[in-house]
Amino acid sequence: MIPFAKRLTVLETERLRLQPLIEADAADIFPLMGDPEVMAFLDMPQTDEPDLVAELVRAQVAAMGQGKAVYWTIRTLDGADFVGCCELADIDRWHKRAEIGFMLGRGSWGSGYGHEAMQAVVAYAAAGGLRRLIATIHLGNRRSETILEKLGFKEEGLLRGHVLREGERRDCQVFGLLL
């Protein structure tokens, strides 16, 4: 298996370009993380602190450099408009598994961009030798659940009280896909 850190390639689909995350992308990600509807089913609440978003992006770029994850921005091919971001994280080469995730701006909801981008990520993971992917979503996140089901993921279980967000414990669903 080729180490993912040495294969940080741009992925292209019919309508999208997934580019490896760089620190400057924090400026595009900040508005998404400031939107309460976008952040409703994520592990942290919306934020109005650009420095916090910049620090999160720096940490993700560092994880990519260590080969622990790959993070991409999602942009349209035609106008290079920022759509969102996605990831292949917690890469475990020994067990040939990783976790996927994605976040799209509200203006892209219902466009099929999430499914299209994640098809490319799943294909990238398989080509890199991974044989199992998981996704963990907050209970009630129907948009993400629909995308995962279209990709062939199966619900594998419920993690009760898995996330602590704003003093409240939230349940999460785990989905898995064998490649």
C-alpha atoms as a PDB file:
ATOM      1  CA  MET A   1       0.000   0.000   0.000  1.00  0.00           C
ATOM      2  CA  ILE A   2       1.329   3.434  -0.921  1.00  0.00           C
ATOM      3  CA  PRO A   3       1.374   5.796   2.098  1.00  0.00           C
ATOM      4  CA  PHE A   4      -1.415   8.350   1.785  1.00  0.00           C
ATOM      5  CA  ALA A   5       0.889  11.206   2.839  1.00  0.00           C
ATOM      6  CA  LYS A   6       2.849  10.720  -0.384  1.00  0.00           C
ATOM      7  CA  ARG A   7      -0.333  10.617  -2.485  1.00  0.00           C
ATOM      8  CA  LEU A   8      -1.967  13.940  -1.720  1.00  0.00           C
ATOM      9  CA  THR A   9      -3.526  14.277  -5.095  1.00  0.00           C
ATOM     10  CA  VAL A  10      -6.308  16.384  -6.471  1.00  0.00           C
ATOM     11  CA  LEU A  11      -9.433  14.305  -7.080  1.00  0.00           C
ATOM     12  CA  GLU A  12     -11.835  15.279  -9.848  1.00  0.00           C
ATOM     13  CA  THR A  13     -15.385  14.204 -10.529  1.00  0.00           C
ATOM     14  CA  GLU A  14     -17.810  15.226 -13.236  1.00  0.00           C
ATOM     15  CA  ARG A  15     -18.570  18.538 -11.485  1.00  0.00           C
ATOM     16  CA  LEU A  16     -16.096  18.852  -8.605  1.00  0.00           C
ATOM     17  CA  ARG A  17     -12.422  19.227  -7.754  1.00  0.00           C
ATOM     18  CA  LEU A  18     -11.231  18.002  -4.354  1.00  0.00           C
ATOM     19  CA  GLN A  19      -7.978  19.750  -3.484  1.00  0.00           C
ATOM     20  CA  PRO A  20      -5.757  18.842  -0.518  1.00  0.00           C
ATOM     21  CA  LEU A  21      -6.361  21.269   2.331  1.00  0.00           C
ATOM     22  CA  ILE A  22      -3.908  24.113   2.908  1.00  0.00           C
ATOM     23  CA  GLU A  23      -3.866  26.650   5.745  1.00  0.00           C
ATOM     24  CA  ALA A  24      -5.249  29.422   3.514  1.00  0.00           C
ATOM     25  CA  ASP A  25      -8.473  27.396   3.124  1.00  0.00           C
ATOM     26  CA  ALA A  26      -9.484  28.432   6.643  1.00  0.00           C
ATOM     27  CA  ALA A  27     -10.942  31.611   5.113  1.00  0.00           C
ATOM     28  CA  ASP A  28     -13.402  29.532   3.039  1.00  0.00           C
ATOM     29  CA  ILE A  29     -14.210  27.118   5.864  1.00  0.00           C
ATOM     30  CA  PHE A  30     -14.894  29.840   8.446  1.00  0.00           C
ATOM     31  CA  PRO A  31     -18.336  30.856   7.034  1.00  0.00           C
ATOM     32  CA  LEU A  32     -19.475  27.216   7.098  1.00  0.00           C
ATOM     33  CA  MET A  33     -18.397  26.817  10.704  1.00  0.00           C
ATOM     34  CA  GLY A  34     -20.219  30.019  11.572  1.00  0.00           C
ATOM     35  CA  ASP A  35     -23.521  28.726  10.187  1.00  0.00           C
ATOM     36  CA  PRO A  36     -25.668  27.120  12.915  1.00  0.00           C
ATOM     37  CA  GLU A  37     -27.571  25.001  10.372  1.00  0.00           C
ATOM     38  CA  VAL A  38     -24.375  23.600   8.846  1.00  0.00           C
ATOM     39  CA  MET A  39     -22.961  22.893  12.321  1.00  0.00           C
ATOM     40  CA  ALA A  40     -26.199  21.480  13.790  1.00  0.00           C
ATOM     41  CA  PHE A  41     -25.033  17.854  13.526  1.00  0.00           C
ATOM     42  CA  LEU A  42     -21.296  18.296  14.062  1.00  0.00           C
ATOM     43  CA  ASP A  43     -19.257  17.714  17.208  1.00  0.00           C
ATOM     44  CA  MET A  44     -18.773  21.401  17.936  1.00  0.00           C
ATOM     45  CA  PRO A  45     -21.196  24.316  17.714  1.00  0.00           C
ATOM     46  CA  GLN A  46     -20.905  27.142  15.226  1.00  0.00           C
ATOM     47  CA  THR A  47     -18.129  29.606  15.896  1.00  0.00           C
ATOM     48  CA  ASP A  48     -17.531  33.282  15.216  1.00  0.00           C
ATOM     49  CA  GLU A  49     -13.803  32.957  15.915  1.00  0.00           C
ATOM     50  CA  PRO A  50     -11.693  32.878  12.745  1.00  0.00           C
ATOM     51  CA  ASP A  51      -8.581  32.116  14.818  1.00  0.00           C
ATOM     52  CA  LEU A  52     -10.188  28.908  16.105  1.00  0.00           C
ATOM     53  CA  VAL A  53     -10.995  27.785  12.554  1.00  0.00           C
ATOM     54  CA  ALA A  54      -7.444  28.641  11.449  1.00  0.00           C
ATOM     55  CA  GLU A  55      -6.036  26.546  14.312  1.00  0.00           C
ATOM     56  CA  LEU A  56      -8.270  23.585  13.405  1.00  0.00           C
ATOM     57  CA  VAL A  57      -7.141  23.791   9.775  1.00  0.00           C
ATOM     58  CA  ARG A  58      -3.472  24.017  10.845  1.00  0.00           C
ATOM     59  CA  ALA A  59      -3.934  20.846  12.907  1.00  0.00           C
ATOM     60  CA  GLN A  60      -5.526  19.075   9.946  1.00  0.00           C
ATOM     61  CA  VAL A  61      -2.689  20.113   7.625  1.00  0.00           C
ATOM     62  CA  ALA A  62      -0.203  18.813  10.219  1.00  0.00           C
ATOM     63  CA  ALA A  63      -2.056  15.473  10.428  1.00  0.00           C
ATOM     64  CA  MET A  64      -1.797  15.196   6.643  1.00  0.00           C
ATOM     65  CA  GLY A  65       1.943  15.757   6.849  1.00  0.00           C
ATOM     66  CA  GLN A  66       2.166  12.867   9.313  1.00  0.00           C
ATOM     67  CA  GLY A  67       0.151  10.570   7.041  1.00  0.00           C
ATOM     68  CA  LYS A  68      -2.666  10.259   9.599  1.00  0.00           C
ATOM     69  CA  ALA A  69      -5.366  11.794   7.427  1.00  0.00           C
ATOM     70  CA  VAL A  70      -6.202  13.453   4.131  1.00  0.00           C
ATOM     71  CA  TYR A  71      -8.425  16.536   4.088  1.00  0.00           C
ATOM     72  CA  TRP A  72      -9.793  18.169   0.949  1.00  0.00           C
ATOM     73  CA  THR A  73     -11.698  21.281   0.037  1.00  0.00           C
ATOM     74  CA  ILE A  74     -14.533  20.695  -2.406  1.00  0.00           C
ATOM     75  CA  ARG A  75     -14.886  23.196  -5.253  1.00  0.00           C
ATOM     76  CA  THR A  76     -16.929  23.249  -8.438  1.00  0.00           C
ATOM     77  CA  LEU A  77     -15.030  22.567 -11.644  1.00  0.00           C
ATOM     78  CA  ASP A  78     -16.806  25.242 -13.655  1.00  0.00           C
ATOM     79  CA  GLY A  79     -16.304  28.221 -11.363  1.00  0.00           C
ATOM     80  CA  ALA A  80     -14.101  26.853  -8.590  1.00  0.00           C
ATOM     81  CA  ASP A  81     -16.774  27.912  -6.096  1.00  0.00           C
ATOM     82  CA  PHE A  82     -16.158  26.601  -2.583  1.00  0.00           C
ATOM     83  CA  VAL A  83     -18.717  23.911  -1.728  1.00  0.00           C
ATOM     84  CA  GLY A  84     -17.348  22.391   1.477  1.00  0.00           C
ATOM     85  CA  CYS A  85     -14.714  19.997   2.731  1.00  0.00           C
ATOM     86  CA  CYS A  86     -14.273  16.289   3.309  1.00  0.00           C
ATOM     87  CA  GLU A  87     -11.829  13.893   4.887  1.00  0.00           C
ATOM     88  CA  LEU A  88     -10.290  10.495   5.153  1.00  0.00           C
ATOM     89  CA  ALA A  89      -9.145  10.503   8.787  1.00  0.00           C
ATOM     90  CA  ASP A  90      -7.800   8.168  11.449  1.00  0.00           C
ATOM     91  CA  ILE A  91      -6.020   6.148   8.779  1.00  0.00           C
ATOM     92  CA  ASP A  92      -4.986   2.786  10.242  1.00  0.00           C
ATOM     93  CA  ARG A  93      -2.649   1.069   7.815  1.00  0.00           C
ATOM     94  CA  TRP A  94      -2.300  -2.082   9.917  1.00  0.00           C
ATOM     95  CA  HIS A  95      -6.025  -2.813   9.826  1.00  0.00           C
ATOM     96  CA  LYS A  96      -6.528  -1.064   6.456  1.00  0.00           C
ATOM     97  CA  ARG A  97      -9.324   1.182   7.670  1.00  0.00           C
ATOM     98  CA  ALA A  98     -10.179   4.862   8.044  1.00  0.00           C
ATOM     99  CA  GLU A  99     -13.049   7.197   8.834  1.00  0.00           C
ATOM    100  CA  ILE A 100     -14.707   9.519   6.342  1.00  0.00           C
ATOM    101  CA  GLY A 101     -16.472  12.800   6.973  1.00  0.00           C
ATOM    102  CA  PHE A 102     -17.839  15.764   5.047  1.00  0.00           C
ATOM    103  CA  MET A 103     -19.301  19.233   5.571  1.00  0.00           C
ATOM    104  CA  LEU A 104     -21.138  21.193   2.882  1.00  0.00           C
ATOM    105  CA  GLY A 105     -22.369  24.757   2.801  1.00  0.00           C
ATOM    106  CA  ARG A 106     -26.142  25.205   2.819  1.00  0.00           C
ATOM    107  CA  GLY A 107     -26.089  26.540  -0.747  1.00  0.00           C
ATOM    108  CA  SER A 108     -24.911  23.102  -1.899  1.00  0.00           C
ATOM    109  CA  TRP A 109     -27.453  21.003  -0.061  1.00  0.00           C
ATOM    110  CA  GLY A 110     -29.611  18.894  -2.376  1.00  0.00           C
ATOM    111  CA  SER A 111     -27.219  19.287  -5.325  1.00  0.00           C
ATOM    112  CA  GLY A 112     -25.721  15.805  -5.112  1.00  0.00           C
ATOM    113  CA  TYR A 113     -22.275  17.305  -4.433  1.00  0.00           C
ATOM    114  CA  GLY A 114     -21.863  15.427  -1.155  1.00  0.00           C
ATOM    115  CA  HIS A 115     -22.497  12.058  -2.765  1.00  0.00           C
ATOM    116  CA  GLU A 116     -20.297  12.889  -5.754  1.00  0.00           C
ATOM    117  CA  ALA A 117     -17.374  14.060  -3.601  1.00  0.00           C
ATOM    118  CA  MET A 118     -17.574  11.100  -1.263  1.00  0.00           C
ATOM    119  CA  GLN A 119     -17.669   8.635  -4.184  1.00  0.00           C
ATOM    120  CA  ALA A 120     -14.259  10.024  -5.146  1.00  0.00           C
ATOM    121  CA  VAL A 121     -12.976   9.707  -1.563  1.00  0.00           C
ATOM    122  CA  VAL A 122     -14.190   6.092  -1.304  1.00  0.00           C
ATOM    123  CA  ALA A 123     -12.484   5.240  -4.620  1.00  0.00           C
ATOM    124  CA  TYR A 124      -9.280   6.952  -3.421  1.00  0.00           C
ATOM    125  CA  ALA A 125      -9.358   4.946  -0.186  1.00  0.00           C
ATOM    126  CA  ALA A 126      -9.855   1.675  -2.048  1.00  0.00           C
ATOM    127  CA  ALA A 127      -7.043   2.482  -4.508  1.00  0.00           C
ATOM    128  CA  GLY A 128      -4.792   3.204  -1.516  1.00  0.00           C
ATOM    129  CA  GLY A 129      -5.361  -0.275  -0.114  1.00  0.00           C
ATOM    130  CA  LEU A 130      -7.950   0.469   2.565  1.00  0.00           C
ATOM    131  CA  ARG A 131     -10.565  -2.247   3.003  1.00  0.00           C
ATOM    132  CA  ARG A 132     -12.959  -0.723   5.547  1.00  0.00           C
ATOM    133  CA  LEU A 133     -14.408   2.738   6.024  1.00  0.00           C
ATOM    134  CA  ILE A 134     -16.559   4.034   8.825  1.00  0.00           C
ATOM    135  CA  ALA A 135     -18.583   7.195   9.277  1.00  0.00           C
ATOM    136  CA  THR A 136     -19.973   8.460  12.564  1.00  0.00           C
ATOM    137  CA  ILE A 137     -22.892  10.872  12.394  1.00  0.00           C
ATOM    138  CA  HIS A 138     -25.129  12.479  14.990  1.00  0.00           C
ATOM    139  CA  LEU A 139     -28.470  10.747  15.410  1.00  0.00           C
ATOM    140  CA  GLY A 140     -31.089  12.516  13.283  1.00  0.00           C
ATOM    141  CA  ASN A 141     -28.706  13.726  10.572  1.00  0.00           C
ATOM    142  CA  ARG A 142     -30.845  12.485   7.670  1.00  0.00           C
ATOM    143  CA  ARG A 143     -28.869  14.300   4.956  1.00  0.00           C
ATOM    144  CA  SER A 144     -25.633  12.537   5.882  1.00  0.00           C
ATOM    145  CA  GLU A 145     -27.409   9.241   6.462  1.00  0.00           C
ATOM    146  CA  THR A 146     -28.884   9.401   2.945  1.00  0.00           C
ATOM    147  CA  ILE A 147     -25.476  10.092   1.376  1.00  0.00           C
ATOM    148  CA  LEU A 148     -23.884   7.207   3.277  1.00  0.00           C
ATOM    149  CA  GLU A 149     -26.648   4.784   2.292  1.00  0.00           C
ATOM    150  CA  LYS A 150     -26.306   5.786  -1.392  1.00  0.00           C
ATOM    151  CA  LEU A 151     -22.580   5.037  -1.107  1.00  0.00           C
ATOM    152  CA  GLY A 152     -23.352   1.543   0.190  1.00  0.00           C
ATOM    153  CA  PHE A 153     -22.595   2.122   3.880  1.00  0.00           C
ATOM    154  CA  LYS A 154     -24.630   0.058   6.321  1.00  0.00           C
ATOM    155  CA  GLU A 155     -25.691   1.156   9.777  1.00  0.00           C
ATOM    156  CA  GLU A 156     -23.669  -0.819  12.303  1.00  0.00           C
ATOM    157  CA  GLY A 157     -24.702   0.583  15.626  1.00  0.00           C
ATOM    158  CA  LEU A 158     -25.556   3.369  18.012  1.00  0.00           C
ATOM    159  CA  LEU A 159     -23.040   5.077  20.278  1.00  0.00           C
ATOM    160  CA  ARG A 160     -25.098   6.357  23.189  1.00  0.00           C
ATOM    161  CA  GLY A 161     -23.929   9.689  24.604  1.00  0.00           C
ATOM    162  CA  HIS A 162     -20.898   9.604  22.295  1.00  0.00           C
ATOM    163  CA  VAL A 163     -20.441  13.381  21.905  1.00  0.00           C
ATOM    164  CA  LEU A 164     -20.556  16.090  24.550  1.00  0.00           C
ATOM    165  CA  ARG A 165     -21.675  19.307  22.917  1.00  0.00           C
ATOM    166  CA  GLU A 166     -22.604  22.387  24.898  1.00  0.00           C
ATOM    167  CA  GLY A 167     -23.176  20.343  28.039  1.00  0.00           C
ATOM    168  CA  GLU A 168     -25.469  17.849  26.316  1.00  0.00           C
ATOM    169  CA  ARG A 169     -24.609  14.234  25.488  1.00  0.00           C
ATOM    170  CA  ARG A 170     -25.510  13.259  21.938  1.00  0.00           C
ATOM    171  CA  ASP A 171     -26.005   9.834  20.432  1.00  0.00           C
ATOM    172  CA  CYS A 172     -24.209   8.943  17.200  1.00  0.00           C
ATOM    173  CA  GLN A 173     -24.820   6.312  14.538  1.00  0.00           C
ATOM    174  CA  VAL A 174     -21.936   4.332  13.105  1.00  0.00           C
ATOM    175  CA  PHE A 175     -21.984   3.311   9.449  1.00  0.00           C
ATOM    176  CA  GLY A 176     -19.494   0.964   7.810  1.00  0.00           C
ATOM    177  CA  LEU A 177     -18.439  -0.012   4.321  1.00  0.00           C
ATOM    178  CA  LEU A 178     -16.244  -2.936   3.308  1.00  0.00           C
ATOM    179  CA  LEU A 179     -14.220  -2.177   0.196  1.00  0.00           C
END
